[in-house]
Amino acid sequence: MKTPIAHEMGRLLQTAFAPTALVVTNDSARHHGHAGDDGSGESHFTVEIESAAFVGVSRLERQRMINRALGDLPGQRVHALAIRARAPGE
């Protein structure tokens, strides 16, 4: 079952990038008791996304695009976000 923040992240990324593949993983349990663990169970996530929107775009700019699409989630409601963004065929 997806947590509320994971669901929201997936919805925002679907809307922004129309991905051909998207997996949002809640990694919070692996970071329990570490820095940034706020006890909510929704503090650490990994996003794996494939989209044509990333063709010809640098890795850094892909991360910026994803952070913009997620609005206030990174840094406000999510402590840590690992991003693996690729274009089709990569």
N, C-alpha and C. Protein backbone atom coordinates (compact mmCIF):
# COMPACT_ATOMS: atom_id res chain seq x y z
N MET A 1 0.83 -1.18 0.00
CA MET A 1 0.00 0.00 0.00
C MET A 1 0.89 1.25 0.00
N LYS A 2 0.56 2.18 -0.87
CA LYS A 2 1.32 3.42 -0.94
C LYS A 2 0.92 4.35 0.19
N THR A 3 1.92 5.01 0.74
CA THR A 3 1.67 6.01 1.77
C THR A 3 1.13 7.28 1.10
N PRO A 4 0.51 8.17 1.87
CA PRO A 4 -0.05 9.39 1.26
C PRO A 4 0.98 10.22 0.49
N ILE A 5 2.18 10.39 1.03
CA ILE A 5 3.18 11.20 0.33
C ILE A 5 3.66 10.48 -0.92
N ALA A 6 3.88 9.17 -0.86
CA ALA A 6 4.29 8.42 -2.05
C ALA A 6 3.22 8.54 -3.14
N HIS A 7 1.97 8.46 -2.76
CA HIS A 7 0.87 8.60 -3.72
C HIS A 7 0.88 10.00 -4.34
N GLU A 8 1.05 11.02 -3.51
CA GLU A 8 1.09 12.40 -4.01
C GLU A 8 2.27 12.61 -4.96
N MET A 9 3.43 12.07 -4.59
CA MET A 9 4.60 12.19 -5.46
C MET A 9 4.34 11.53 -6.81
N GLY A 10 3.77 10.34 -6.79
CA GLY A 10 3.46 9.64 -8.03
C GLY A 10 2.50 10.43 -8.90
N ARG A 11 1.48 11.01 -8.30
CA ARG A 11 0.49 11.81 -9.05
C ARG A 11 1.16 13.03 -9.68
N LEU A 12 1.97 13.74 -8.92
CA LEU A 12 2.64 14.93 -9.44
C LEU A 12 3.60 14.59 -10.58
N LEU A 13 4.34 13.50 -10.43
CA LEU A 13 5.29 13.10 -11.48
C LEU A 13 4.59 12.59 -12.72
N GLN A 14 3.48 11.89 -12.56
CA GLN A 14 2.68 11.45 -13.72
C GLN A 14 2.20 12.66 -14.51
N THR A 15 1.69 13.65 -13.81
CA THR A 15 1.17 14.84 -14.46
C THR A 15 2.27 15.62 -15.18
N ALA A 16 3.42 15.77 -14.55
CA ALA A 16 4.50 16.59 -15.10
C ALA A 16 5.24 15.92 -16.25
N PHE A 17 5.40 14.59 -16.20
CA PHE A 17 6.32 13.94 -17.13
C PHE A 17 5.72 12.83 -17.99
N ALA A 18 4.49 12.43 -17.76
CA ALA A 18 3.89 11.31 -18.50
C ALA A 18 4.91 10.18 -18.67
N PRO A 19 5.43 9.66 -17.56
CA PRO A 19 6.52 8.69 -17.65
C PRO A 19 6.11 7.35 -18.26
N THR A 20 7.08 6.71 -18.90
CA THR A 20 6.89 5.36 -19.41
C THR A 20 7.16 4.34 -18.32
N ALA A 21 7.86 4.75 -17.26
CA ALA A 21 8.08 3.92 -16.08
C ALA A 21 8.22 4.84 -14.88
N LEU A 22 7.61 4.45 -13.77
CA LEU A 22 7.68 5.25 -12.55
C LEU A 22 7.52 4.34 -11.34
N VAL A 23 8.50 4.43 -10.43
CA VAL A 23 8.42 3.71 -9.16
C VAL A 23 8.81 4.70 -8.06
N VAL A 24 7.92 4.87 -7.09
CA VAL A 24 8.21 5.69 -5.91
C VAL A 24 8.28 4.74 -4.73
N THR A 25 9.46 4.67 -4.10
CA THR A 25 9.70 3.75 -3.00
C THR A 25 9.89 4.52 -1.71
N ASN A 26 9.16 4.13 -0.69
CA ASN A 26 9.31 4.72 0.64
C ASN A 26 10.43 3.96 1.35
N ASP A 27 11.55 4.65 1.55
CA ASP A 27 12.73 4.06 2.21
C ASP A 27 12.81 4.42 3.69
N SER A 28 11.79 5.03 4.23
CA SER A 28 11.85 5.59 5.59
C SER A 28 12.19 4.56 6.66
N ALA A 29 11.68 3.35 6.55
CA ALA A 29 11.93 2.33 7.56
C ALA A 29 13.42 2.02 7.69
N ARG A 30 14.16 2.12 6.58
CA ARG A 30 15.60 1.87 6.60
C ARG A 30 16.37 2.98 7.30
N HIS A 31 15.72 4.13 7.53
CA HIS A 31 16.39 5.28 8.13
C HIS A 31 15.83 5.63 9.51
N HIS A 32 15.06 4.71 10.09
CA HIS A 32 14.46 4.95 11.40
C HIS A 32 15.53 5.27 12.43
N GLY A 33 15.35 6.37 13.12
CA GLY A 33 16.30 6.78 14.15
C GLY A 33 17.48 7.59 13.64
N HIS A 34 17.59 7.75 12.33
CA HIS A 34 18.68 8.53 11.74
C HIS A 34 18.26 9.99 11.58
N ALA A 35 19.20 10.82 11.20
CA ALA A 35 18.91 12.23 10.94
C ALA A 35 17.79 12.36 9.91
N GLY A 36 16.87 13.23 10.20
CA GLY A 36 15.77 13.47 9.26
C GLY A 36 14.57 12.58 9.48
N ASP A 37 14.69 11.56 10.31
CA ASP A 37 13.55 10.70 10.60
C ASP A 37 12.63 11.43 11.56
N ASP A 38 11.47 11.84 11.06
CA ASP A 38 10.55 12.62 11.89
C ASP A 38 9.50 11.75 12.57
N GLY A 39 9.61 10.43 12.41
CA GLY A 39 8.67 9.52 13.04
C GLY A 39 7.40 9.29 12.24
N SER A 40 7.23 10.00 11.13
CA SER A 40 6.02 9.88 10.31
C SER A 40 6.01 8.62 9.46
N GLY A 41 7.19 8.06 9.23
CA GLY A 41 7.28 6.93 8.31
C GLY A 41 7.26 7.37 6.86
N GLU A 42 7.40 8.68 6.63
CA GLU A 42 7.39 9.22 5.27
C GLU A 42 8.44 10.32 5.13
N SER A 43 9.67 9.99 5.44
CA SER A 43 10.73 11.00 5.41
C SER A 43 11.78 10.76 4.33
N HIS A 44 11.92 9.53 3.85
CA HIS A 44 12.96 9.17 2.88
C HIS A 44 12.34 8.39 1.72
N PHE A 45 12.62 8.84 0.49
CA PHE A 45 12.03 8.19 -0.69
C PHE A 45 13.06 8.06 -1.80
N THR A 46 12.81 7.10 -2.70
CA THR A 46 13.56 6.96 -3.94
C THR A 46 12.55 7.04 -5.07
N VAL A 47 12.89 7.83 -6.09
CA VAL A 47 12.08 7.93 -7.30
C VAL A 47 12.89 7.38 -8.46
N GLU A 48 12.32 6.42 -9.16
CA GLU A 48 12.91 5.90 -10.39
C GLU A 48 11.91 6.23 -11.49
N ILE A 49 12.35 7.02 -12.47
CA ILE A 49 11.44 7.51 -13.49
C ILE A 49 12.11 7.49 -14.86
N GLU A 50 11.33 7.11 -15.86
CA GLU A 50 11.77 7.15 -17.26
C GLU A 50 10.75 7.98 -18.03
N SER A 51 11.25 8.98 -18.75
CA SER A 51 10.35 9.85 -19.50
C SER A 51 11.07 10.46 -20.69
N ALA A 52 10.33 10.65 -21.76
CA ALA A 52 10.86 11.33 -22.95
C ALA A 52 11.24 12.77 -22.63
N ALA A 53 10.68 13.32 -21.56
CA ALA A 53 11.01 14.69 -21.16
C ALA A 53 12.49 14.84 -20.80
N PHE A 54 13.18 13.73 -20.55
CA PHE A 54 14.58 13.78 -20.14
C PHE A 54 15.57 13.58 -21.29
N VAL A 55 15.08 13.42 -22.51
CA VAL A 55 15.97 13.25 -23.67
C VAL A 55 16.81 14.51 -23.85
N GLY A 56 18.12 14.34 -23.90
CA GLY A 56 19.03 15.46 -24.11
C GLY A 56 19.20 16.38 -22.92
N VAL A 57 18.74 15.96 -21.75
CA VAL A 57 18.80 16.78 -20.54
C VAL A 57 19.84 16.17 -19.59
N SER A 58 20.68 17.02 -19.00
CA SER A 58 21.72 16.53 -18.09
C SER A 58 21.11 15.92 -16.83
N ARG A 59 21.89 15.12 -16.15
CA ARG A 59 21.44 14.49 -14.91
C ARG A 59 21.02 15.54 -13.87
N LEU A 60 21.82 16.59 -13.73
CA LEU A 60 21.50 17.64 -12.77
C LEU A 60 20.19 18.34 -13.12
N GLU A 61 19.99 18.66 -14.39
CA GLU A 61 18.76 19.33 -14.78
C GLU A 61 17.55 18.41 -14.62
N ARG A 62 17.71 17.12 -14.83
CA ARG A 62 16.62 16.16 -14.59
C ARG A 62 16.19 16.22 -13.13
N GLN A 63 17.17 16.24 -12.24
CA GLN A 63 16.86 16.32 -10.81
C GLN A 63 16.16 17.62 -10.47
N ARG A 64 16.61 18.70 -11.06
CA ARG A 64 15.95 20.00 -10.84
C ARG A 64 14.50 19.97 -11.34
N MET A 65 14.28 19.38 -12.50
CA MET A 65 12.93 19.28 -13.06
C MET A 65 12.01 18.50 -12.11
N ILE A 66 12.53 17.41 -11.59
CA ILE A 66 11.73 16.58 -10.67
C ILE A 66 11.44 17.34 -9.38
N ASN A 67 12.44 18.00 -8.83
CA ASN A 67 12.23 18.77 -7.61
C ASN A 67 11.20 19.88 -7.83
N ARG A 68 11.25 20.55 -8.98
CA ARG A 68 10.25 21.59 -9.27
C ARG A 68 8.85 20.98 -9.36
N ALA A 69 8.74 19.83 -10.01
CA ALA A 69 7.43 19.18 -10.15
C ALA A 69 6.86 18.76 -8.80
N LEU A 70 7.73 18.44 -7.85
CA LEU A 70 7.28 17.99 -6.53
C LEU A 70 6.98 19.14 -5.57
N GLY A 71 7.24 20.36 -6.00
CA GLY A 71 6.87 21.53 -5.19
C GLY A 71 7.52 21.54 -3.83
N ASP A 72 6.69 21.63 -2.77
CA ASP A 72 7.23 21.76 -1.41
C ASP A 72 7.56 20.43 -0.74
N LEU A 73 7.36 19.32 -1.44
CA LEU A 73 7.65 18.03 -0.81
C LEU A 73 9.12 17.88 -0.42
N PRO A 74 10.06 18.00 -1.38
CA PRO A 74 11.47 17.87 -0.99
C PRO A 74 11.89 19.04 -0.10
N GLY A 75 12.49 18.72 1.02
CA GLY A 75 12.99 19.75 1.91
C GLY A 75 11.97 20.25 2.93
N GLN A 76 10.70 20.04 2.67
CA GLN A 76 9.67 20.46 3.62
C GLN A 76 9.05 19.24 4.28
N ARG A 77 8.40 18.41 3.48
CA ARG A 77 7.71 17.24 4.03
C ARG A 77 8.51 15.95 3.83
N VAL A 78 9.51 15.99 2.96
CA VAL A 78 10.38 14.83 2.71
C VAL A 78 11.81 15.25 3.01
N HIS A 79 12.47 14.52 3.89
CA HIS A 79 13.84 14.86 4.29
C HIS A 79 14.85 14.50 3.20
N ALA A 80 14.71 13.31 2.61
CA ALA A 80 15.69 12.85 1.64
C ALA A 80 14.99 12.22 0.44
N LEU A 81 15.49 12.55 -0.75
CA LEU A 81 14.91 12.04 -1.99
C LEU A 81 16.04 11.62 -2.92
N ALA A 82 16.12 10.32 -3.20
CA ALA A 82 17.08 9.80 -4.17
C ALA A 82 16.35 9.75 -5.52
N ILE A 83 17.01 10.23 -6.57
CA ILE A 83 16.37 10.30 -7.88
C ILE A 83 17.20 9.54 -8.90
N ARG A 84 16.53 8.65 -9.62
CA ARG A 84 17.13 7.96 -10.75
C ARG A 84 16.24 8.25 -11.95
N ALA A 85 16.65 9.24 -12.75
CA ALA A 85 15.85 9.67 -13.89
C ALA A 85 16.58 9.33 -15.18
N ARG A 86 15.83 8.75 -16.12
CA ARG A 86 16.44 8.37 -17.38
C ARG A 86 15.46 8.64 -18.52
N ALA A 87 16.02 8.76 -19.71
CA ALA A 87 15.22 8.88 -20.93
C ALA A 87 15.01 7.47 -21.48
N PRO A 88 13.99 7.24 -22.27
CA PRO A 88 13.78 5.91 -22.86
C PRO A 88 15.03 5.45 -23.62
N GLY A 89 15.39 4.20 -23.42
CA GLY A 89 16.55 3.64 -24.10
C GLY A 89 17.86 3.80 -23.37
N GLU A 90 17.86 4.52 -22.27
CA GLU A 90 19.11 4.70 -21.51
C GLU A 90 19.30 3.54 -20.54
